[in-house]
């Protein structure tokens, strides 16, 4: 409740809550309009949809990065550090609500888009995968950032890294595998498999393991430095 009070009190954070609505408008209104005007746009719909669903995760990624950095700057984090609870579980439960909201919004974007009749179950799996970006994103940035200024720099870097693997769809196969070093590459390939009606679980499994390792690492690193 304290986190959401802070979000609604700060206009720079509150405006990011409109991001999912903007994505819905782009996918369901603007993109169909472009396709009606320019038929060539139709072949790029899968990639626009992939990027749109990942961009949805940026909402709480950015918001919670700023919230956690502000806690560090104001030393409120030290107060949390003396609570008689496990710091790791405190962090995980604190991020559960933004994770669930992100998953729900991503799932809604995929189910309500007008271009493909996608599996409810497979889109839910992808939504869970994309939701795992949130803890890695915000905990990684807040751990690396000493203040909000450096946090903004890291946010720009993370934004590029999250979206960069979409380039793999536009380069020869011999180069596309290089993007496998980034976890979102496997999530992107998985959603593209769903759209194309191909096998999804191989890419989904790699993405899940990759995100699980990164989440474990960032949670432990964050808990060890944030509350001191």
Protein backbone atom coordinates (compact mmCIF):
# COMPACT_ATOMS: atom_id res chain seq x y z
CA UNK A 1 0.00 0.00 0.00
CA UNK A 2 2.87 2.36 0.79
CA UNK A 3 4.41 1.67 -2.62
CA UNK A 4 1.21 2.48 -4.48
CA UNK A 5 0.66 5.65 -2.42
CA UNK A 6 4.10 6.81 -3.50
CA UNK A 7 3.39 5.93 -7.14
CA UNK A 8 0.13 7.89 -7.24
CA UNK A 9 1.73 10.83 -5.43
CA UNK A 10 4.59 11.19 -7.93
CA UNK A 11 3.42 12.45 -11.39
CA UNK A 12 6.56 11.08 -13.10
CA UNK A 13 5.65 7.57 -11.89
CA UNK A 14 1.89 7.92 -12.24
CA UNK A 15 2.11 8.66 -15.96
CA UNK A 16 3.70 5.23 -16.56
CA UNK A 17 0.47 3.60 -15.40
CA UNK A 18 -1.02 4.79 -18.71
CA UNK A 19 1.48 2.75 -20.73
CA UNK A 20 -0.68 -0.41 -20.99
CA UNK A 21 -3.65 1.67 -22.20
CA UNK A 22 -1.43 3.25 -24.85
CA UNK A 23 -0.26 -0.20 -25.96
CA UNK A 24 -3.89 -1.39 -26.25
CA UNK A 25 -4.70 1.60 -28.47
CA UNK A 26 -1.68 0.99 -30.70
CA UNK A 27 -2.43 -2.73 -31.12
CA UNK A 28 -6.21 -2.57 -31.47
CA UNK A 29 -6.74 0.78 -33.21
CA UNK A 30 -3.61 2.28 -34.77
CA UNK A 31 -2.05 -0.90 -36.18
CA UNK A 32 -5.27 -2.15 -37.90
CA UNK A 33 -5.63 1.32 -39.41
CA UNK A 34 -2.09 1.15 -40.81
CA UNK A 35 -2.73 -2.31 -42.25
CA UNK A 36 -5.84 -1.04 -44.04
CA UNK A 37 -3.81 1.80 -45.53
CA UNK A 38 -0.57 -0.08 -46.23
CA UNK A 39 -0.86 -3.82 -46.81
CA UNK A 40 2.91 -4.31 -46.45
CA UNK A 41 2.62 -3.51 -42.73
CA UNK A 42 0.82 -6.83 -42.21
CA UNK A 43 4.03 -8.90 -42.35
CA UNK A 44 5.46 -6.92 -39.42
CA UNK A 45 2.48 -7.47 -37.11
CA UNK A 46 4.09 -10.39 -35.19
CA UNK A 47 7.14 -8.29 -34.35
CA UNK A 48 5.08 -5.28 -33.31
CA UNK A 49 3.01 -7.55 -31.07
CA UNK A 50 6.14 -9.12 -29.55
CA UNK A 51 7.67 -5.73 -28.75
CA UNK A 52 4.36 -4.39 -27.43
CA UNK A 53 3.97 -7.20 -24.91
CA UNK A 54 7.53 -6.78 -23.68
CA UNK A 55 7.18 -3.01 -23.48
CA UNK A 56 4.21 -3.60 -21.16
CA UNK A 57 6.68 -4.98 -18.60
CA UNK A 58 8.52 -1.65 -18.60
CA UNK A 59 5.71 -0.04 -16.60
CA UNK A 60 6.43 -1.61 -13.22
CA UNK A 61 10.06 -2.14 -14.15
CA UNK A 62 10.57 1.61 -14.33
CA UNK A 63 8.22 2.47 -11.47
CA UNK A 64 9.72 0.07 -8.94
CA UNK A 65 13.26 0.92 -9.99
CA UNK A 66 12.58 4.54 -9.03
CA UNK A 67 10.77 3.53 -5.81
CA UNK A 68 13.66 1.33 -4.66
CA UNK A 69 16.32 3.89 -5.60
CA UNK A 70 14.44 6.57 -3.66
CA UNK A 71 14.33 4.26 -0.63
CA UNK A 72 18.09 3.96 -0.87
CA UNK A 73 18.61 7.72 -1.22
CA UNK A 74 16.32 8.58 1.70
CA UNK A 75 17.67 5.65 3.79
CA UNK A 76 14.17 4.27 4.28
CA UNK A 77 15.61 0.94 3.16
CA UNK A 78 17.56 0.75 6.42
CA UNK A 79 14.27 0.84 8.33
CA UNK A 80 13.02 -2.14 6.30
CA UNK A 81 16.34 -3.84 7.00
CA UNK A 82 15.63 -4.15 10.73
CA UNK A 83 12.26 -5.86 10.27
CA UNK A 84 12.19 -9.36 11.82
CA UNK A 85 11.52 -11.06 8.48
CA UNK A 86 13.64 -12.67 5.80
CA UNK A 87 14.91 -9.94 3.47
CA UNK A 88 14.69 -12.24 0.46
CA UNK A 89 11.07 -13.17 1.13
CA UNK A 90 10.27 -9.53 1.90
CA UNK A 91 11.57 -8.56 -1.56
CA UNK A 92 9.77 -11.41 -3.33
CA UNK A 93 6.39 -10.75 -1.73
CA UNK A 94 6.76 -7.02 -2.33
CA UNK A 95 7.20 -7.66 -6.06
CA UNK A 96 4.37 -10.19 -6.28
CA UNK A 97 1.62 -7.61 -6.93
CA UNK A 98 3.44 -5.80 -9.80
CA UNK A 99 4.37 -9.21 -11.24
CA UNK A 100 0.75 -10.41 -11.22
CA UNK A 101 -0.55 -7.14 -12.68
CA UNK A 102 2.06 -7.27 -15.45
CA UNK A 103 1.18 -10.88 -16.27
CA UNK A 104 -2.55 -10.05 -16.38
CA UNK A 105 -2.07 -7.03 -18.66
CA UNK A 106 0.25 -8.90 -21.02
CA UNK A 107 -2.21 -11.80 -21.20
CA UNK A 108 -5.04 -9.38 -21.96
CA UNK A 109 -3.02 -7.74 -24.74
CA UNK A 110 -2.40 -11.11 -26.39
CA UNK A 111 -5.96 -12.36 -26.05
CA UNK A 112 -7.63 -9.11 -27.19
CA UNK A 113 -5.39 -8.35 -30.18
CA UNK A 114 -7.42 -8.67 -33.42
CA UNK A 115 -4.85 -10.42 -35.63
CA UNK A 116 -4.46 -14.00 -34.39
CA UNK A 117 -6.54 -16.61 -32.59
CA UNK A 118 -3.94 -17.54 -29.97
CA UNK A 119 -4.06 -20.30 -27.39
CA UNK A 120 -5.25 -19.12 -23.97
CA UNK A 121 -2.85 -21.47 -22.21
CA UNK A 122 0.23 -20.69 -24.30
CA UNK A 123 -0.32 -16.94 -24.10
CA UNK A 124 -0.60 -17.30 -20.31
CA UNK A 125 2.76 -19.11 -20.25
CA UNK A 126 4.34 -16.34 -22.30
CA UNK A 127 2.76 -13.69 -20.07
CA UNK A 128 4.32 -15.35 -17.01
CA UNK A 129 7.69 -15.41 -18.79
CA UNK A 130 7.46 -11.72 -19.68
CA UNK A 131 6.36 -10.91 -16.13
CA UNK A 132 9.64 -12.37 -14.84
CA UNK A 133 11.38 -9.42 -16.47
CA UNK A 134 9.96 -7.14 -13.75
CA UNK A 135 12.00 -8.39 -10.75
CA UNK A 136 15.20 -8.77 -12.81
CA UNK A 137 14.72 -5.31 -14.29
CA UNK A 138 13.93 -3.28 -11.19
CA UNK A 139 16.19 -5.14 -8.75
CA UNK A 140 19.10 -5.07 -11.19
CA UNK A 141 18.77 -1.35 -11.83
CA UNK A 142 18.30 -0.40 -8.17
CA UNK A 143 21.31 -2.51 -7.17
CA UNK A 144 23.55 -0.90 -9.79
CA UNK A 145 22.33 2.68 -9.21
CA UNK A 146 23.60 4.97 -6.49
CA UNK A 147 20.94 7.63 -7.20
CA UNK A 148 18.09 8.44 -9.57
CA UNK A 149 20.39 10.09 -12.10
CA UNK A 150 22.49 6.95 -12.53
CA UNK A 151 19.25 4.95 -12.38
CA UNK A 152 17.94 6.74 -15.49
CA UNK A 153 21.14 5.81 -17.34
CA UNK A 154 20.80 2.16 -16.37
CA UNK A 155 17.12 2.18 -17.33
CA UNK A 156 18.03 3.29 -20.86
CA UNK A 157 20.64 0.52 -21.06
CA UNK A 158 18.22 -2.11 -19.76
CA UNK A 159 15.49 -0.93 -22.16
CA UNK A 160 17.84 -1.48 -25.09
CA UNK A 161 18.93 -4.91 -23.85
CA UNK A 162 15.33 -6.04 -23.31
CA UNK A 163 14.18 -5.13 -26.83
CA UNK A 164 17.43 -5.76 -28.74
CA UNK A 165 16.77 -9.48 -29.50
CA UNK A 166 13.91 -8.53 -31.85
CA UNK A 167 16.69 -7.83 -34.39
CA UNK A 168 17.19 -11.60 -34.58
CA UNK A 169 14.09 -11.81 -36.78
CA UNK A 170 15.73 -9.60 -39.42
CA UNK A 171 19.21 -11.10 -39.70
CA UNK A 172 20.44 -14.43 -41.17
CA UNK A 173 20.01 -17.47 -38.92
CA UNK A 174 23.79 -17.76 -38.51
CA UNK A 175 23.75 -14.41 -36.66
CA UNK A 176 20.39 -14.64 -34.91
CA UNK A 177 21.68 -17.15 -32.34
CA UNK A 178 24.10 -14.52 -31.02
CA UNK A 179 21.13 -12.82 -29.38
CA UNK A 180 20.58 -15.95 -27.28
CA UNK A 181 22.90 -14.39 -24.70
CA UNK A 182 19.94 -12.19 -23.74
CA UNK A 183 16.99 -13.90 -22.01
CA UNK A 184 14.29 -12.01 -23.90
CA UNK A 185 15.55 -13.60 -27.14
CA UNK A 186 14.11 -16.95 -26.06
CA UNK A 187 10.85 -15.34 -24.95
CA UNK A 188 10.56 -13.53 -28.30
CA UNK A 189 11.20 -16.73 -30.23
CA UNK A 190 8.65 -18.53 -28.06
CA UNK A 191 5.88 -16.01 -28.75
CA UNK A 192 6.71 -16.08 -32.43
CA UNK A 193 6.34 -19.89 -32.28
CA UNK A 194 2.88 -19.45 -30.74
CA UNK A 195 1.88 -16.98 -33.47
CA UNK A 196 3.17 -19.27 -36.21
CA UNK A 197 1.54 -22.34 -34.64
CA UNK A 198 4.89 -24.04 -34.04
CA UNK A 199 6.37 -25.82 -31.02
CA UNK A 200 6.69 -23.37 -28.15
CA UNK A 201 8.05 -25.27 -25.17
CA UNK A 202 11.76 -25.49 -26.05
CA UNK A 203 12.22 -21.73 -26.22
CA UNK A 204 9.87 -21.24 -23.26
CA UNK A 205 11.88 -23.68 -21.13
CA UNK A 206 15.19 -21.94 -21.89
CA UNK A 207 13.64 -18.54 -21.18
CA UNK A 208 12.16 -19.74 -17.90
CA UNK A 209 15.45 -21.24 -16.66
CA UNK A 210 17.35 -18.12 -17.76
CA UNK A 211 14.94 -15.79 -15.95
CA UNK A 212 14.86 -18.03 -12.88
CA UNK A 213 18.66 -17.88 -12.58
CA UNK A 214 18.69 -14.10 -13.10
CA UNK A 215 15.85 -13.59 -10.61
CA UNK A 216 17.62 -15.68 -7.96
CA UNK A 217 20.86 -13.78 -8.49
CA UNK A 218 19.31 -10.29 -8.48
CA UNK A 219 17.10 -10.96 -5.45
CA UNK A 220 20.04 -12.22 -3.39
CA UNK A 221 22.33 -9.40 -4.54
CA UNK A 222 19.67 -6.78 -3.89
CA UNK A 223 18.87 -8.14 -0.41
CA UNK A 224 22.55 -8.09 0.52
CA UNK A 225 23.15 -4.42 -0.36
CA UNK A 226 19.83 -2.54 -0.31
CA UNK A 227 19.04 -2.71 3.39
CA UNK A 228 22.46 -1.65 4.72
